[in-house]
Every structure is written in structure tokens, then in C-alpha cells.
N, C-alpha and C. Protein backbone atom coordinates (compact mmCIF):
# COMPACT_ATOMS: atom_id res chain seq x y z
N MET A 1 16.49 1.02 -3.90
CA MET A 1 16.72 0.63 -2.87
C MET A 1 16.11 1.90 -1.81
N ALA A 2 16.22 2.54 -1.63
CA ALA A 2 15.45 3.80 -0.19
C ALA A 2 14.11 3.81 -0.51
N GLU A 3 13.36 3.87 -1.68
CA GLU A 3 12.22 3.85 -1.60
C GLU A 3 11.84 3.07 -1.52
N ALA A 4 12.02 1.47 -1.93
CA ALA A 4 11.55 0.39 -1.70
C ALA A 4 11.74 0.01 -0.34
N TYR A 5 12.76 0.01 0.46
CA TYR A 5 12.75 -0.38 1.89
C TYR A 5 12.16 0.42 2.94
N LEU A 6 11.94 1.74 2.12
CA LEU A 6 10.87 3.09 3.59
C LEU A 6 9.74 2.83 3.19
N ASN A 7 9.09 2.09 1.96
CA ASN A 7 7.76 1.74 1.57
C ASN A 7 7.37 0.18 2.49
N ALA A 8 8.51 -0.36 2.77
CA ALA A 8 8.24 -1.78 3.45
C ALA A 8 8.38 -1.26 4.73
N ALA A 9 9.33 -0.80 5.04
CA ALA A 9 9.62 -0.66 6.91
C ALA A 9 8.83 0.73 7.44
N GLY A 10 8.18 1.56 6.72
CA GLY A 10 7.18 2.58 7.22
C GLY A 10 5.94 2.01 7.34
N LYS A 11 5.73 0.90 6.64
CA LYS A 11 4.14 0.13 7.44
C LYS A 11 2.86 0.92 6.45
N GLY A 12 3.08 1.78 6.07
CA GLY A 12 1.95 2.26 5.95
C GLY A 12 2.15 3.94 6.58
N ARG A 13 2.63 3.87 7.20
CA ARG A 13 3.43 5.62 7.90
C ARG A 13 3.97 6.52 7.46
N TRP A 14 4.76 5.88 6.27
CA TRP A 14 5.58 6.54 5.70
C TRP A 14 5.60 5.99 4.05
N ARG A 15 5.43 6.94 3.00
CA ARG A 15 5.77 6.33 1.77
C ARG A 15 6.96 7.50 1.00
N GLY A 16 7.49 6.00 0.29
CA GLY A 16 8.60 6.51 -0.43
C GLY A 16 8.32 7.65 -1.87
N PHE A 17 9.29 8.03 -1.98
CA PHE A 17 9.28 8.12 -3.81
C PHE A 17 10.42 8.56 -4.11
N SER A 18 11.08 7.61 -5.09
CA SER A 18 12.93 7.79 -5.54
C SER A 18 12.70 8.69 -7.02
N ALA A 19 13.37 9.61 -7.09
CA ALA A 19 13.55 10.18 -7.88
C ALA A 19 14.74 11.23 -8.00
N GLY A 20 15.50 11.55 -9.02
CA GLY A 20 16.07 12.00 -9.15
C GLY A 20 16.50 13.39 -10.17
N SER A 21 17.57 13.85 -10.90
CA SER A 21 17.91 14.77 -11.53
C SER A 21 18.27 14.32 -12.82
N LYS A 22 18.61 12.89 -13.15
CA LYS A 22 18.81 12.59 -14.35
C LYS A 22 18.39 11.11 -14.69
N SER A 23 16.77 10.90 -14.89
CA SER A 23 16.63 9.92 -14.97
C SER A 23 16.56 9.25 -16.00
N ASP A 24 16.17 7.92 -16.36
CA ASP A 24 16.26 7.20 -17.98
C ASP A 24 15.01 6.43 -17.80
N GLY A 25 14.03 6.06 -17.15
CA GLY A 25 13.16 5.45 -16.37
C GLY A 25 13.21 3.93 -16.16
N LEU A 26 14.23 3.81 -16.14
CA LEU A 26 15.01 2.15 -15.52
C LEU A 26 15.57 2.11 -14.36
N VAL A 27 14.93 0.98 -13.48
CA VAL A 27 16.03 0.71 -12.57
C VAL A 27 17.03 -0.54 -12.49
N HIS A 28 17.81 -0.34 -12.00
CA HIS A 28 19.43 -0.48 -12.23
C HIS A 28 19.26 -2.44 -11.84
N PRO A 29 19.32 -2.81 -12.44
CA PRO A 29 18.84 -4.50 -12.61
C PRO A 29 19.80 -5.09 -11.30
N LEU A 30 20.77 -4.06 -10.79
CA LEU A 30 21.79 -5.10 -9.47
C LEU A 30 21.11 -4.57 -8.45
N ALA A 31 20.51 -3.15 -8.42
CA ALA A 31 19.35 -2.76 -7.14
C ALA A 31 18.41 -3.89 -7.10
N LEU A 32 17.31 -4.00 -8.55
CA LEU A 32 16.47 -4.97 -8.35
C LEU A 32 16.67 -6.80 -7.68
N VAL A 33 18.31 -6.83 -8.06
CA VAL A 33 18.28 -8.28 -7.54
C VAL A 33 18.77 -7.67 -5.96
N THR A 34 19.07 -6.99 -5.40
CA THR A 34 19.66 -6.93 -4.22
C THR A 34 18.32 -6.55 -3.58
N LEU A 35 17.45 -6.07 -4.07
CA LEU A 35 16.06 -6.06 -3.18
C LEU A 35 15.40 -7.42 -2.93
N ALA A 36 15.84 -8.21 -4.26
CA ALA A 36 14.62 -9.63 -4.18
C ALA A 36 15.82 -10.10 -3.38
N GLU A 37 17.11 -10.06 -3.30
CA GLU A 37 17.75 -11.59 -1.92
C GLU A 37 17.53 -10.96 -0.59
N VAL A 38 16.54 -9.46 0.00
CA VAL A 38 16.11 -9.34 0.93
C VAL A 38 14.13 -9.65 1.12
N ASP A 39 13.59 -9.99 -0.24
CA ASP A 39 12.60 -10.45 -0.21
C ASP A 39 11.72 -9.08 -0.61
N LEU A 40 12.19 -7.95 -1.40
CA LEU A 40 11.50 -7.09 -1.74
C LEU A 40 11.34 -7.10 -3.12
N ARG A 41 10.34 -6.79 -3.26
CA ARG A 41 9.95 -7.09 -4.93
C ARG A 41 9.21 -5.71 -5.42
N PRO A 42 9.56 -4.20 -5.37
CA PRO A 42 8.39 -3.54 -5.85
C PRO A 42 7.87 -3.31 -7.29
N LYS A 43 6.74 -3.06 -6.85
CA LYS A 43 5.94 -3.38 -8.33
C LYS A 43 5.86 -2.37 -8.73
N ALA A 44 6.13 -2.15 -10.13
CA ALA A 44 6.06 -1.17 -11.05
C ALA A 44 6.84 0.10 -10.88
N SER A 45 8.04 -0.57 -10.40
CA SER A 45 9.49 0.14 -10.26
C SER A 45 10.16 0.97 -11.11
N ARG A 46 10.13 2.15 -11.23
CA ARG A 46 10.93 3.02 -12.25
C ARG A 46 11.84 3.97 -12.14
N SER A 47 13.05 4.48 -12.47
CA SER A 47 13.36 5.81 -12.36
C SER A 47 12.36 6.98 -12.51
N LYS A 48 12.68 7.78 -11.43
CA LYS A 48 11.90 8.70 -12.03
C LYS A 48 12.49 10.01 -11.89
N SER A 49 11.93 11.44 -12.33
CA SER A 49 12.40 12.90 -12.34
C SER A 49 11.93 13.09 -11.28
N TRP A 50 12.72 14.24 -10.61
CA TRP A 50 12.08 14.88 -9.51
C TRP A 50 11.32 15.77 -10.16
N ASP A 51 11.17 16.09 -11.44
CA ASP A 51 9.86 16.93 -11.81
C ASP A 51 9.15 16.68 -11.74
N GLU A 52 8.45 15.25 -11.50
CA GLU A 52 7.20 14.90 -11.30
C GLU A 52 6.95 15.34 -9.72
N PHE A 53 7.84 15.30 -8.82
CA PHE A 53 7.46 15.91 -7.80
C PHE A 53 7.55 17.72 -7.16
N CYS A 54 7.37 17.97 -8.22
CA CYS A 54 7.49 19.56 -8.53
C CYS A 54 6.24 20.52 -8.66
N ALA A 55 5.33 19.59 -9.51
CA ALA A 55 4.46 20.02 -10.42
C ALA A 55 2.78 20.25 -9.21
N LEU A 56 2.08 20.50 -9.50
CA LEU A 56 0.63 21.05 -9.00
C LEU A 56 0.20 20.03 -8.15
N ASP A 57 -0.24 19.30 -9.10
CA ASP A 57 -0.07 17.15 -8.51
C ASP A 57 0.37 16.49 -7.66
N ALA A 58 1.76 17.02 -7.33
CA ALA A 58 2.50 15.74 -6.79
C ALA A 58 2.13 15.42 -5.47
N PRO A 59 2.69 13.99 -5.00
CA PRO A 59 1.86 14.00 -3.85
C PRO A 59 3.00 14.84 -2.26
N ILE A 60 1.76 15.19 -1.59
CA ILE A 60 2.35 15.97 -0.68
C ILE A 60 3.52 15.24 0.62
N MET A 61 4.86 16.00 -0.26
CA MET A 61 6.03 15.33 1.30
C MET A 61 5.94 16.58 2.56
N ASN A 62 6.50 15.36 3.27
CA ASN A 62 6.73 16.00 4.37
C ASN A 62 8.37 15.87 4.25
N VAL A 63 8.48 15.36 4.02
CA VAL A 63 10.64 15.23 4.35
C VAL A 63 10.86 14.80 2.21
N VAL A 64 11.96 15.70 2.49
CA VAL A 64 12.63 15.12 1.41
C VAL A 64 14.11 14.77 1.27
N ILE A 65 14.29 13.68 0.98
CA ILE A 65 15.32 12.92 1.56
C ILE A 65 16.57 12.48 0.71
N THR A 66 17.77 13.16 0.16
CA THR A 66 18.64 12.76 -1.10
C THR A 66 19.50 11.73 -0.33
N VAL A 67 19.75 11.14 -0.73
CA VAL A 67 20.88 9.92 -0.61
C VAL A 67 22.09 9.55 -1.60
N CYS A 68 22.51 10.43 -2.41
CA CYS A 68 23.92 9.87 -3.40
C CYS A 68 24.52 11.04 -2.69
N GLU A 69 25.62 10.39 -2.29
CA GLU A 69 26.97 11.24 -2.64
C GLU A 69 27.10 12.77 -3.39
N LYS A 70 26.87 12.17 -4.70
CA LYS A 70 26.94 13.40 -5.56
C LYS A 70 25.99 14.24 -5.28
N SER A 71 24.58 14.18 -5.22
CA SER A 71 23.68 15.25 -5.14
C SER A 71 23.64 16.38 -3.85
N ALA A 72 24.58 15.81 -3.03
CA ALA A 72 24.45 17.04 -2.17
C ALA A 72 25.71 18.18 -3.04
N ASP A 73 25.71 18.38 -4.08
CA ASP A 73 26.21 19.45 -4.66
C ASP A 73 25.17 19.56 -5.94
N GLU A 74 23.87 19.12 -5.87
CA GLU A 74 23.10 19.68 -6.98
C GLU A 74 22.18 20.68 -6.29
N THR A 75 21.45 21.67 -6.93
CA THR A 75 20.76 22.15 -6.27
C THR A 75 19.43 21.60 -6.90
N CYS A 76 18.30 21.51 -5.96
CA CYS A 76 17.26 20.90 -5.51
C CYS A 76 15.98 22.22 -5.51
N PRO A 77 15.04 21.06 -6.58
CA PRO A 77 13.86 22.40 -6.68
C PRO A 77 13.65 22.60 -5.68
N LEU A 78 12.20 23.56 -5.27
CA LEU A 78 11.48 23.77 -4.53
C LEU A 78 10.64 22.90 -4.60
N TRP A 79 10.39 22.40 -3.38
CA TRP A 79 9.15 21.37 -3.22
C TRP A 79 8.25 21.42 -2.73
N PRO A 80 7.07 21.69 -3.43
CA PRO A 80 5.66 22.34 -2.73
C PRO A 80 5.11 21.58 -1.30
N GLY A 81 4.80 22.83 -0.65
CA GLY A 81 4.50 22.41 0.88
C GLY A 81 6.10 22.73 1.74
N SER A 82 6.71 22.91 1.04
CA SER A 82 8.51 23.53 1.81
C SER A 82 8.79 21.86 2.91
N PRO A 83 8.56 21.00 2.06
CA PRO A 83 9.18 19.65 3.62
C PRO A 83 10.58 19.82 4.15
N ARG A 84 10.22 19.36 5.08
CA ARG A 84 12.00 19.39 5.92
C ARG A 84 12.72 18.71 4.83
N THR A 85 14.01 18.74 4.96
CA THR A 85 15.21 17.88 3.71
C THR A 85 16.30 17.47 4.30
N LEU A 86 16.84 16.64 4.19
CA LEU A 86 17.90 15.56 4.93
C LEU A 86 18.49 15.01 3.47
N HIS A 87 19.98 14.96 4.18
CA HIS A 87 21.15 14.60 3.00
C HIS A 87 21.12 13.06 4.00
N TRP A 88 21.32 12.07 3.24
CA TRP A 88 21.83 10.78 3.46
C TRP A 88 23.39 10.43 2.21
N PRO A 89 24.42 10.54 2.76
CA PRO A 89 25.45 10.74 1.52
C PRO A 89 25.40 9.35 1.48
N PHE A 90 24.88 8.56 0.69
CA PHE A 90 25.45 7.11 0.21
C PHE A 90 26.24 6.90 -1.01
N PRO A 91 27.37 6.15 -1.15
CA PRO A 91 27.48 5.88 -2.58
C PRO A 91 27.03 5.10 -3.26
N ASP A 92 27.22 5.71 -4.74
CA ASP A 92 26.01 5.22 -5.65
C ASP A 92 26.35 4.03 -6.48
N PRO A 93 26.33 2.73 -5.68
CA PRO A 93 26.63 1.81 -6.51
C PRO A 93 26.84 1.50 -7.70
N ALA A 94 26.14 1.93 -8.30
CA ALA A 94 26.10 2.07 -10.16
C ALA A 94 27.11 2.47 -10.71
N SER A 95 27.62 3.15 -9.81
CA SER A 95 29.45 3.45 -10.22
C SER A 95 30.34 2.77 -9.99
N VAL A 96 30.26 1.97 -9.48
CA VAL A 96 31.47 0.65 -9.00
C VAL A 96 31.53 -0.25 -10.18
N GLU A 97 32.50 -0.45 -10.74
CA GLU A 97 33.06 -1.09 -11.83
C GLU A 97 33.70 -2.52 -11.15
N GLY A 98 33.60 -3.54 -12.07
CA GLY A 98 34.36 -4.72 -11.83
C GLY A 98 33.92 -5.73 -11.99
N THR A 99 34.12 -6.96 -11.18
CA THR A 99 33.38 -8.24 -11.59
C THR A 99 32.19 -8.17 -11.03
N ILE A 100 31.36 -9.16 -11.05
CA ILE A 100 29.89 -8.78 -11.09
C ILE A 100 29.75 -9.11 -9.62
N GLU A 101 30.72 -9.63 -8.43
CA GLU A 101 31.09 -10.33 -7.50
C GLU A 101 31.05 -8.88 -6.72
N ASP A 102 31.93 -8.12 -7.02
CA ASP A 102 32.25 -6.96 -6.73
C ASP A 102 30.96 -5.87 -6.72
N ARG A 103 30.59 -5.68 -8.02
CA ARG A 103 29.35 -4.92 -8.08
C ARG A 103 28.62 -5.92 -7.11
N MET A 104 28.09 -6.56 -6.86
CA MET A 104 27.00 -6.76 -5.85
C MET A 104 27.24 -6.67 -4.52
N ALA A 105 28.58 -6.50 -4.36
CA ALA A 105 28.73 -6.34 -2.59
C ALA A 105 28.83 -5.10 -2.71
N THR A 106 29.12 -4.26 -3.44
CA THR A 106 29.08 -2.76 -3.39
C THR A 106 27.38 -2.39 -2.85
N PHE A 107 26.32 -3.05 -4.21
CA PHE A 107 24.91 -2.78 -3.75
C PHE A 107 24.82 -3.45 -2.73
N ARG A 108 25.19 -4.56 -2.18
CA ARG A 108 23.98 -5.02 -0.90
C ARG A 108 25.06 -4.44 0.27
N GLY A 109 26.51 -3.53 0.11
CA GLY A 109 26.87 -2.74 1.38
C GLY A 109 25.84 -1.56 1.43
N VAL A 110 25.56 -0.97 0.35
CA VAL A 110 25.02 0.16 0.32
C VAL A 110 23.44 0.03 0.46
N PHE A 111 22.79 -0.95 0.10
CA PHE A 111 21.55 -1.35 1.02
C PHE A 111 21.38 -1.72 2.28
N ASP A 112 22.53 -1.79 3.19
CA ASP A 112 23.04 -2.52 4.56
C ASP A 112 22.54 -1.07 5.20
N LEU A 113 23.52 -0.32 4.36
CA LEU A 113 23.66 1.06 5.14
C LEU A 113 22.33 1.64 5.04
N ILE A 114 21.24 1.58 4.06
CA ILE A 114 20.03 2.35 3.75
C ILE A 114 18.84 2.17 4.93
N ARG A 115 19.50 0.60 4.79
CA ARG A 115 18.41 -0.04 6.13
C ARG A 115 18.70 0.21 7.27
N LYS A 116 20.00 0.47 8.08
CA LYS A 116 20.04 1.01 8.81
C LYS A 116 19.79 2.51 9.57
N THR A 117 19.92 3.32 8.27
CA THR A 117 19.72 4.67 7.99
C THR A 117 17.80 4.91 8.40
N VAL A 118 17.46 3.95 7.34
CA VAL A 118 16.16 4.23 7.46
C VAL A 118 15.44 3.31 9.10
N ASP A 119 16.28 2.63 9.06
CA ASP A 119 15.02 1.81 10.42
C ASP A 119 15.97 2.90 11.55
N ALA A 120 16.50 3.69 11.76
CA ALA A 120 17.13 4.94 12.87
C ALA A 120 15.76 6.16 12.61
N PHE A 121 15.90 6.42 11.35
CA PHE A 121 15.21 7.36 11.22
C PHE A 121 13.39 7.14 11.55
N ILE A 122 13.06 5.99 11.23
CA ILE A 122 11.65 6.06 11.13
C ILE A 122 11.41 5.72 13.31
N ASP A 123 12.36 4.82 13.68
CA ASP A 123 12.46 5.33 15.26
C ASP A 123 12.55 6.34 15.82
N GLU A 124 13.75 7.19 14.92
CA GLU A 124 13.49 8.46 15.81
C GLU A 124 11.91 9.77 15.73
N GLU A 125 11.57 8.96 14.06
CA GLU A 125 10.28 9.72 14.23
C GLU A 125 9.32 9.26 14.96
N LYS A 126 9.65 8.04 15.51
CA LYS A 126 8.52 7.53 16.70
C LYS A 126 8.58 7.79 17.62
N MET A 127 9.80 8.04 17.88
CA MET A 127 9.79 8.84 19.65
C MET A 127 9.52 10.10 19.78
N ALA A 128 9.59 11.00 18.29
CA ALA A 128 9.44 12.01 18.21
C ALA A 128 7.99 12.30 18.23
N SER A 129 6.89 11.69 17.52
CA SER A 129 5.62 12.05 17.81
C SER A 129 5.15 11.66 19.28
N LYS A 130 6.03 10.43 19.86
CA LYS A 130 5.51 10.34 21.39
C LYS A 130 5.58 11.43 22.53
N ALA A 131 6.16 12.12 21.79
CA ALA A 131 7.12 13.23 22.99
C ALA A 131 6.15 14.31 23.12
């Protein structure tokens, strides 16, 4: 959800790539429903391993942002180019159990946190580039 929103909100200035330490290639269906509810429909979305972004031919990244509460305890790879790293500890909505309504409410809540955090990040970067 963070990749899709950053790519939309970044309007070409920012390009997001989502990846993790344990990837099965699939995006959670409720994440896709949540994105569709806010009219974001990422093309060819898939779950990616962060190993893709450590290769010599990987995209150059200026900032690497970890977003899951659990990822704060993981040792991240060494990223090419030594980008700045940030950690935004969002809850993992996929770990929530309960009714479909409960689970969707969690996905929506996490998406709202993502949206606010990404918007603040973009605003801060705009201000910094003007300074």
C-alpha cells in the first residue's frame, strides 16, 4: 500500500518500490481492495524480495523506508549507494484476524496512517529542497 500511495502522491518526483525479507510474490487481496477504494490500482503489483534491490542492476535509491513494526528487529541488507534509511512502524494489517469487516477496518486504518506519513514526508522533502 505504501508503494502504491507513494508512487501516486510522489507524482514522478518519488518512485516507491515495496519489498520484504519474506516474499511469496503475492499482494494481500485486502490491500488491493483497500487501494481500489481510494482509486489506486497499481499495475503489475507483486510482493518482491528485498534481494532484488541489492543487485548491481537494481534501481538507485535515495531513501529506504521500512514500514512494518516487525522489520525494526530485522537486519536489512546493505543497499547500493548507501541511501538514507527511515523506519515507519506501521502495524501489519495482514496479521489481524476476525471478520472481514474487522480486517478491512484494519487495512483502511493502516492505509490512513501510510497516507498521512507519506504526505508529511513529501512535504518535508519539498521544504528541504527549497532551503
